[in-house]
Amino acid sequence: MTLFGITVPMEAIWVIVAIIVLVIVGFIAKGFIDEMKK
């Protein structure tokens, strides 16, 4: 896969996707915990 003119291996893309998903899940969990504390 080519990204911005750079050939990126599929493994790198899966790692990036995994990190993004973890960040989103972390934000949702943090918001949920903050709501529960109220």
PDB file of N, CA and C in Angstrom:
ATOM      1  N   MET A   1       0.855  -1.193   0.000  1.00  0.00           N
ATOM      2  CA  MET A   1       0.000   0.000   0.000  1.00  0.00           C
ATOM      3  C   MET A   1       0.891   1.244   0.000  1.00  0.00           C
ATOM      4  N   THR A   2       0.520   2.232  -0.793  1.00  0.00           N
ATOM      5  CA  THR A   2       1.303   3.466  -0.877  1.00  0.00           C
ATOM      6  C   THR A   2       0.579   4.583  -0.125  1.00  0.00           C
ATOM      7  N   LEU A   3       1.310   5.256   0.756  1.00  0.00           N
ATOM      8  CA  LEU A   3       0.742   6.344   1.548  1.00  0.00           C
ATOM      9  C   LEU A   3       1.667   7.550   1.431  1.00  0.00           C
ATOM     10  N   PHE A   4       1.148   8.646   0.863  1.00  0.00           N
ATOM     11  CA  PHE A   4       1.943   9.867   0.667  1.00  0.00           C
ATOM     12  C   PHE A   4       3.214   9.577  -0.128  1.00  0.00           C
ATOM     13  N   GLY A   5       3.117   8.671  -1.117  1.00  0.00           N
ATOM     14  CA  GLY A   5       4.263   8.353  -1.954  1.00  0.00           C
ATOM     15  C   GLY A   5       5.248   7.402  -1.308  1.00  0.00           C
ATOM     16  N   ILE A   6       4.928   6.912  -0.109  1.00  0.00           N
ATOM     17  CA  ILE A   6       5.811   5.971   0.586  1.00  0.00           C
ATOM     18  C   ILE A   6       5.128   4.611   0.605  1.00  0.00           C
ATOM     19  N   THR A   7       5.878   3.560   0.252  1.00  0.00           N
ATOM     20  CA  THR A   7       5.319   2.215   0.303  1.00  0.00           C
ATOM     21  C   THR A   7       5.331   1.733   1.752  1.00  0.00           C
ATOM     22  N   VAL A   8       4.138   1.432   2.258  1.00  0.00           N
ATOM     23  CA  VAL A   8       3.992   1.028   3.661  1.00  0.00           C
ATOM     24  C   VAL A   8       3.581  -0.441   3.710  1.00  0.00           C
ATOM     25  N   PRO A   9       4.286  -1.270   4.484  1.00  0.00           N
ATOM     26  CA  PRO A   9       3.877  -2.675   4.620  1.00  0.00           C
ATOM     27  C   PRO A   9       2.563  -2.789   5.383  1.00  0.00           C
ATOM     28  N   MET A  10       1.788  -3.840   5.079  1.00  0.00           N
ATOM     29  CA  MET A  10       0.490  -4.031   5.725  1.00  0.00           C
ATOM     30  C   MET A  10       0.631  -4.133   7.241  1.00  0.00           C
ATOM     31  N   GLU A  11       1.728  -4.724   7.720  1.00  0.00           N
ATOM     32  CA  GLU A  11       1.921  -4.861   9.163  1.00  0.00           C
ATOM     33  C   GLU A  11       1.913  -3.491   9.843  1.00  0.00           C
ATOM     34  N   ALA A  12       2.577  -2.520   9.224  1.00  0.00           N
ATOM     35  CA  ALA A  12       2.641  -1.175   9.800  1.00  0.00           C
ATOM     36  C   ALA A  12       1.247  -0.561   9.873  1.00  0.00           C
ATOM     37  N   ILE A  13       0.435  -0.793   8.830  1.00  0.00           N
ATOM     38  CA  ILE A  13      -0.926  -0.242   8.806  1.00  0.00           C
ATOM     39  C   ILE A  13      -1.753  -0.864   9.931  1.00  0.00           C
ATOM     40  N   TRP A  14      -1.627  -2.178  10.130  1.00  0.00           N
ATOM     41  CA  TRP A  14      -2.393  -2.829  11.210  1.00  0.00           C
ATOM     42  C   TRP A  14      -1.974  -2.282  12.570  1.00  0.00           C
ATOM     43  N   VAL A  15      -0.672  -2.007  12.753  1.00  0.00           N
ATOM     44  CA  VAL A  15      -0.193  -1.448  14.025  1.00  0.00           C
ATOM     45  C   VAL A  15      -0.800  -0.070  14.257  1.00  0.00           C
ATOM     46  N   ILE A  16      -0.810   0.768  13.211  1.00  0.00           N
ATOM     47  CA  ILE A  16      -1.375   2.119  13.324  1.00  0.00           C
ATOM     48  C   ILE A  16      -2.862   2.037  13.654  1.00  0.00           C
ATOM     49  N   VAL A  17      -3.585   1.156  12.954  1.00  0.00           N
ATOM     50  CA  VAL A  17      -5.023   0.989  13.205  1.00  0.00           C
ATOM     51  C   VAL A  17      -5.251   0.544  14.648  1.00  0.00           C
ATOM     52  N   ALA A  18      -4.443  -0.401  15.121  1.00  0.00           N
ATOM     53  CA  ALA A  18      -4.595  -0.900  16.494  1.00  0.00           C
ATOM     54  C   ALA A  18      -4.385   0.220  17.512  1.00  0.00           C
ATOM     55  N   ILE A  19      -3.379   1.071  17.278  1.00  0.00           N
ATOM     56  CA  ILE A  19      -3.105   2.185  18.193  1.00  0.00           C
ATOM     57  C   ILE A  19      -4.277   3.165  18.214  1.00  0.00           C
ATOM     58  N   ILE A  20      -4.807   3.497  17.029  1.00  0.00           N
ATOM     59  CA  ILE A  20      -5.941   4.424  16.947  1.00  0.00           C
ATOM     60  C   ILE A  20      -7.137   3.857  17.705  1.00  0.00           C
ATOM     61  N   VAL A  21      -7.418   2.568  17.499  1.00  0.00           N
ATOM     62  CA  VAL A  21      -8.552   1.931  18.178  1.00  0.00           C
ATOM     63  C   VAL A  21      -8.352   1.969  19.693  1.00  0.00           C
ATOM     64  N   LEU A  22      -7.135   1.669  20.150  1.00  0.00           N
ATOM     65  CA  LEU A  22      -6.859   1.689  21.594  1.00  0.00           C
ATOM     66  C   LEU A  22      -7.059   3.091  22.173  1.00  0.00           C
ATOM     67  N   VAL A  23      -6.625   4.119  21.441  1.00  0.00           N
ATOM     68  CA  VAL A  23      -6.792   5.497  21.916  1.00  0.00           C
ATOM     69  C   VAL A  23      -8.272   5.843  22.033  1.00  0.00           C
ATOM     70  N   ILE A  24      -9.061   5.492  20.999  1.00  0.00           N
ATOM     71  CA  ILE A  24     -10.500   5.786  21.011  1.00  0.00           C
ATOM     72  C   ILE A  24     -11.171   5.057  22.171  1.00  0.00           C
ATOM     73  N   VAL A  25     -10.860   3.769  22.331  1.00  0.00           N
ATOM     74  CA  VAL A  25     -11.448   2.989  23.430  1.00  0.00           C
ATOM     75  C   VAL A  25     -11.048   3.592  24.775  1.00  0.00           C
ATOM     76  N   GLY A  26      -9.800   4.030  24.887  1.00  0.00           N
ATOM     77  CA  GLY A  26      -9.332   4.648  26.122  1.00  0.00           C
ATOM     78  C   GLY A  26     -10.102   5.920  26.451  1.00  0.00           C
ATOM     79  N   PHE A  27     -10.345   6.760  25.451  1.00  0.00           N
ATOM     80  CA  PHE A  27     -11.106   7.989  25.672  1.00  0.00           C
ATOM     81  C   PHE A  27     -12.531   7.674  26.104  1.00  0.00           C
ATOM     82  N   ILE A  28     -13.170   6.696  25.444  1.00  0.00           N
ATOM     83  CA  ILE A  28     -14.546   6.317  25.787  1.00  0.00           C
ATOM     84  C   ILE A  28     -14.592   5.788  27.219  1.00  0.00           C
ATOM     85  N   ALA A  29     -13.641   4.919  27.563  1.00  0.00           N
ATOM     86  CA  ALA A  29     -13.605   4.346  28.911  1.00  0.00           C
ATOM     87  C   ALA A  29     -13.386   5.439  29.953  1.00  0.00           C
ATOM     88  N   LYS A  30     -12.478   6.390  29.670  1.00  0.00           N
ATOM     89  CA  LYS A  30     -12.204   7.478  30.610  1.00  0.00           C
ATOM     90  C   LYS A  30     -13.452   8.336  30.814  1.00  0.00           C
ATOM     91  N   GLY A  31     -14.125   8.682  29.733  1.00  0.00           N
ATOM     92  CA  GLY A  31     -15.350   9.472  29.832  1.00  0.00           C
ATOM     93  C   GLY A  31     -16.425   8.732  30.608  1.00  0.00           C
ATOM     94  N   PHE A  32     -16.533   7.419  30.360  1.00  0.00           N
ATOM     95  CA  PHE A  32     -17.535   6.604  31.044  1.00  0.00           C
ATOM     96  C   PHE A  32     -17.247   6.552  32.542  1.00  0.00           C
ATOM     97  N   ILE A  33     -15.976   6.369  32.917  1.00  0.00           N
ATOM     98  CA  ILE A  33     -15.585   6.307  34.331  1.00  0.00           C
ATOM     99  C   ILE A  33     -15.844   7.658  35.001  1.00  0.00           C
ATOM    100  N   ASP A  34     -15.525   8.752  34.303  1.00  0.00           N
ATOM    101  CA  ASP A  34     -15.765  10.085  34.869  1.00  0.00           C
ATOM    102  C   ASP A  34     -17.259  10.304  35.107  1.00  0.00           C
ATOM    103  N   GLU A  35     -18.106   9.822  34.195  1.00  0.00           N
ATOM    104  CA  GLU A  35     -19.557   9.959  34.352  1.00  0.00           C
ATOM    105  C   GLU A  35     -20.046   9.138  35.548  1.00  0.00           C
ATOM    106  N   MET A  36     -19.478   7.963  35.736  1.00  0.00           N
ATOM    107  CA  MET A  36     -19.907   7.088  36.831  1.00  0.00           C
ATOM    108  C   MET A  36     -19.545   7.689  38.193  1.00  0.00           C
ATOM    109  N   LYS A  37     -18.460   8.479  38.245  1.00  0.00           N
ATOM    110  CA  LYS A  37     -18.016   9.058  39.512  1.00  0.00           C
ATOM    111  C   LYS A  37     -18.938  10.186  39.985  1.00  0.00           C
ATOM    112  N   LYS A  38     -19.712  10.772  39.076  1.00  0.00           N
ATOM    113  CA  LYS A  38     -20.573  11.906  39.439  1.00  0.00           C
ATOM    114  C   LYS A  38     -21.716  11.461  40.363  1.00  0.00           C
TER     115      LYS A  38
END
